[in-house]
Structures are given as structure tokens and as C-alpha cells.
Protein backbone atom coordinates (compact mmCIF):
# COMPACT_ATOMS: atom_id res chain seq x y z
CA MET A 1 -3.07 25.50 -21.79
CA LEU A 2 -4.25 21.87 -21.28
CA GLU A 3 -7.13 21.16 -18.91
CA TYR A 4 -7.68 18.33 -16.57
CA VAL A 5 -10.39 15.89 -17.44
CA LEU A 6 -11.66 13.99 -14.32
CA GLU A 7 -14.35 11.53 -15.16
CA PRO A 8 -15.75 8.07 -14.45
CA ALA A 9 -13.61 5.44 -16.10
CA ASP A 10 -13.24 1.82 -16.73
CA PRO A 11 -10.37 0.31 -14.67
CA LYS A 12 -9.87 -2.35 -17.39
CA GLN A 13 -8.70 0.25 -19.88
CA PRO A 14 -5.10 -0.60 -20.82
CA ASP A 15 -3.36 2.55 -19.57
CA ILE A 16 -5.51 2.51 -16.44
CA SER A 17 -4.88 -1.09 -15.66
CA ALA A 18 -1.12 -0.43 -16.21
CA LEU A 19 -1.21 2.37 -13.63
CA LEU A 20 -3.15 0.14 -11.23
CA ALA A 21 -0.57 -2.55 -11.67
CA THR A 22 2.03 0.08 -10.57
CA HIS A 23 -0.11 0.84 -7.53
CA LEU A 24 -0.28 -2.82 -6.58
CA GLU A 25 3.51 -3.24 -7.17
CA PHE A 26 4.13 -0.26 -4.86
CA ALA A 27 1.82 -1.67 -2.24
CA ASN A 28 3.46 -5.07 -2.39
CA GLU A 29 6.95 -3.57 -2.31
CA HIS A 30 6.20 -1.69 0.95
CA SER A 31 3.85 -3.99 2.78
CA PRO A 32 3.64 -7.61 3.64
CA PRO A 33 1.17 -9.47 1.36
CA GLU A 34 -1.52 -9.95 4.04
CA HIS A 35 -1.53 -6.14 4.62
CA VAL A 36 -2.02 -5.12 0.95
CA HIS A 37 -5.61 -3.96 0.69
CA ALA A 38 -5.51 -2.38 -2.72
CA LEU A 39 -8.33 -3.53 -4.95
CA ASP A 40 -7.59 -5.39 -8.22
CA VAL A 41 -9.16 -4.35 -11.54
CA ASP A 42 -12.05 -6.75 -11.22
CA ARG A 43 -12.88 -5.56 -7.70
CA LEU A 44 -12.68 -1.86 -8.90
CA SER A 45 -15.33 -2.75 -11.52
CA ALA A 46 -17.83 -3.92 -8.77
CA SER A 47 -21.21 -2.15 -8.43
CA ASP A 48 -20.28 -0.71 -5.03
CA VAL A 49 -17.25 1.08 -6.44
CA THR A 50 -17.16 4.23 -8.62
CA PHE A 51 -13.85 4.62 -10.38
CA TYR A 52 -12.36 7.88 -11.76
CA SER A 53 -9.40 8.86 -13.92
CA LEU A 54 -7.76 12.15 -14.22
CA ARG A 55 -6.14 13.12 -17.62
CA GLU A 56 -4.44 16.06 -19.16
CA GLY A 57 -4.24 16.19 -22.97
CA GLY A 58 -5.36 12.46 -22.93
CA GLU A 59 -2.40 11.39 -20.71
CA LEU A 60 -3.43 9.50 -17.64
CA LEU A 61 -2.18 11.23 -14.51
CA ALA A 62 -4.14 9.63 -11.72
CA VAL A 63 -6.81 7.32 -10.65
CA GLY A 64 -9.09 6.96 -7.53
CA ALA A 65 -12.29 5.38 -6.44
CA ILE A 66 -14.95 5.57 -3.80
CA ARG A 67 -16.56 2.47 -2.43
CA GLN A 68 -19.95 2.58 -0.73
CA ILE A 69 -19.78 0.84 2.63
CA ASP A 70 -23.37 1.76 3.52
CA THR A 71 -25.74 4.66 2.83
CA SER A 72 -23.80 7.01 5.05
CA HIS A 73 -20.18 5.83 4.79
CA GLY A 74 -17.84 5.65 1.87
CA GLU A 75 -14.17 4.40 1.46
CA ILE A 76 -11.49 5.99 -0.66
CA LYS A 77 -9.75 3.23 -2.63
CA SER A 78 -6.86 2.98 -5.14
CA MET A 79 -5.77 6.58 -5.25
CA HIS A 80 -2.55 6.67 -7.24
CA THR A 81 -0.85 9.53 -9.03
CA ALA A 82 1.53 8.63 -11.95
CA GLN A 83 5.17 9.30 -11.10
CA ILE A 84 5.39 11.98 -13.92
CA ALA A 85 2.54 13.96 -12.30
CA ARG A 86 3.69 13.95 -8.68
CA GLY A 87 4.18 17.27 -6.84
CA ARG A 88 1.64 19.07 -8.98
CA GLY A 89 -1.37 18.75 -6.70
CA ILE A 90 -3.00 15.95 -8.80
CA GLY A 91 -3.62 13.80 -5.82
CA ARG A 92 -5.35 16.57 -4.03
CA ILE A 93 -7.63 17.31 -7.09
CA MET A 94 -8.64 13.59 -7.13
CA LEU A 95 -9.21 13.52 -3.33
CA GLU A 96 -11.35 16.66 -3.50
CA HIS A 97 -13.33 15.19 -6.30
CA LEU A 98 -14.00 11.91 -4.40
CA LEU A 99 -15.02 13.84 -1.33
CA GLU A 100 -17.42 15.89 -3.39
CA ILE A 101 -18.99 12.74 -4.78
CA ALA A 102 -19.32 11.53 -1.13
CA ARG A 103 -21.08 14.70 -0.09
CA ARG A 104 -23.50 14.53 -3.17
CA ARG A 105 -24.38 10.93 -2.02
CA GLY A 106 -25.16 12.15 1.44
CA TYR A 107 -22.38 10.26 3.23
CA SER A 108 -21.69 11.46 6.74
CA ARG A 109 -18.16 10.18 6.69
CA VAL A 110 -15.48 8.81 4.37
CA SER A 111 -12.73 6.46 5.56
CA LEU A 112 -9.61 4.88 4.15
CA GLU A 113 -6.73 2.57 4.96
CA THR A 114 -3.13 3.27 4.01
CA GLY A 115 0.35 2.09 4.98
CA THR A 116 2.32 3.23 8.00
CA MET A 117 5.71 2.88 6.35
CA GLU A 118 7.73 5.92 5.17
CA ALA A 119 6.81 5.31 1.51
CA PHE A 120 3.21 6.08 2.45
CA ALA A 121 3.98 9.32 4.30
CA PRO A 122 3.01 11.59 1.30
CA ALA A 123 -0.43 9.96 1.16
CA ARG A 124 -0.90 10.29 4.94
CA ARG A 125 0.09 13.97 4.74
CA LEU A 126 -2.45 14.59 2.00
CA TYR A 127 -5.24 12.92 3.88
CA GLU A 128 -4.36 14.74 7.08
CA SER A 129 -4.29 18.06 5.32
CA ALA A 130 -7.78 17.36 4.01
CA GLY A 131 -9.04 16.85 7.62
CA PHE A 132 -8.76 13.00 7.90
CA VAL A 133 -7.94 11.74 11.43
CA VAL A 134 -6.54 8.40 12.62
CA THR A 135 -9.36 6.06 13.72
CA PRO A 136 -9.74 2.44 14.75
CA PRO A 137 -9.92 -0.15 12.00
CA PHE A 138 -13.31 -0.32 10.12
CA GLY A 139 -14.76 -2.96 7.87
CA PRO A 140 -12.31 -5.66 6.79
CA TYR A 141 -9.24 -3.97 8.45
CA TRP A 142 -7.66 -4.91 11.80
CA GLU A 143 -5.15 -3.34 14.22
CA ASN A 144 -1.60 -3.91 13.00
CA GLU A 145 1.73 -2.14 12.62
CA TYR A 146 1.50 -1.92 8.83
CA SER A 147 -1.88 -0.14 8.45
CA VAL A 148 -3.51 2.99 9.59
CA CYS A 149 -7.21 3.83 9.13
CA MET A 150 -8.31 7.40 8.73
CA THR A 151 -11.75 9.02 8.70
CA LEU A 152 -13.19 12.36 7.62
CA ASP A 153 -16.42 13.44 9.30
CA LEU A 154 -18.23 15.17 6.36
CA VAL A 155 -20.94 16.53 8.64
CA ALA A 156 -18.48 18.46 10.80
CA THR A 157 -16.54 19.72 7.78
CA SER A 158 -19.61 20.93 5.92
CA SER A 159 -20.60 23.52 8.52
């Protein structure tokens, strides 16, 4: 039986950058350009972002990142599961990993932004099932009909 390998990765690796291109295509297909907040490969390589890949038998199944907003607040970025791996709980594995990283860093909360359109419903359900709740916009985001911001209080969920 193959095991998952979830580890820090370089978003510039060819298979990873291809999956990230798919992620950006999806975002652009379902959101107006000014409401696409997915990070490009260069931005995912920045010092405030820690990027991960999840593989099985060497095959890339998912990517995700956590960006440090400040010493107590992180942001989930660029979570994407390859089409061939959907429905297997891969997104949940990545999300749980990113939340564990946030806890180890001592963050008191983790936030994210995602789309409101039907295409983003599976992502919203995943985040809601992990305890994320809808909150007002944070950081660079603003109130609009295409985006929803969500936050998980790590202090409340750790007790």
C-alpha cells in the first residue's frame, strides 16, 4: 500500500507549478479577475509563505500553503487537490496539516478567503467542517459578492 508524503516543497517544481496553473485557471474561470486572490508561484516562494505538497507514490495529489500575517495569525493559501485525487479526503489531510503547522507556530487563529460561487462550495464545506466560520474581510480583502472570508479560532478549538 502506498503512503502519502506531505512535505515542504518548491512551488516552482514543474508538476507543482502545473497544478498551481490549474488552480489559477479554476479561480479565473469562476471569479472576476479583480476577485482572484490566488498567489502565483513567485509569491508562494516568499519568506512569509510555507508551501507543501502531498504525494502518493511520487504522484502529486495536492498542494497548500500557510502565510504568516503576524505572530498570532496565519492564512491558508493555494489549497488545491488534483482532479484525480478528489473525493479521497486529500484536501482534509492537507488542511489538517496546515492547521497543525499553525498550532506549532503559536497562532491563535487561521483565516482564509474563498469564492462564493457554486464551484467553491466543496471548499467551503471542507472549511466549515473543520470549524471555520464566516468573518468580515481581513488583510487585503474587502466585502463583495464574490468572496467570503473565514476564520478558525485555534485557541477555542484546542481546549
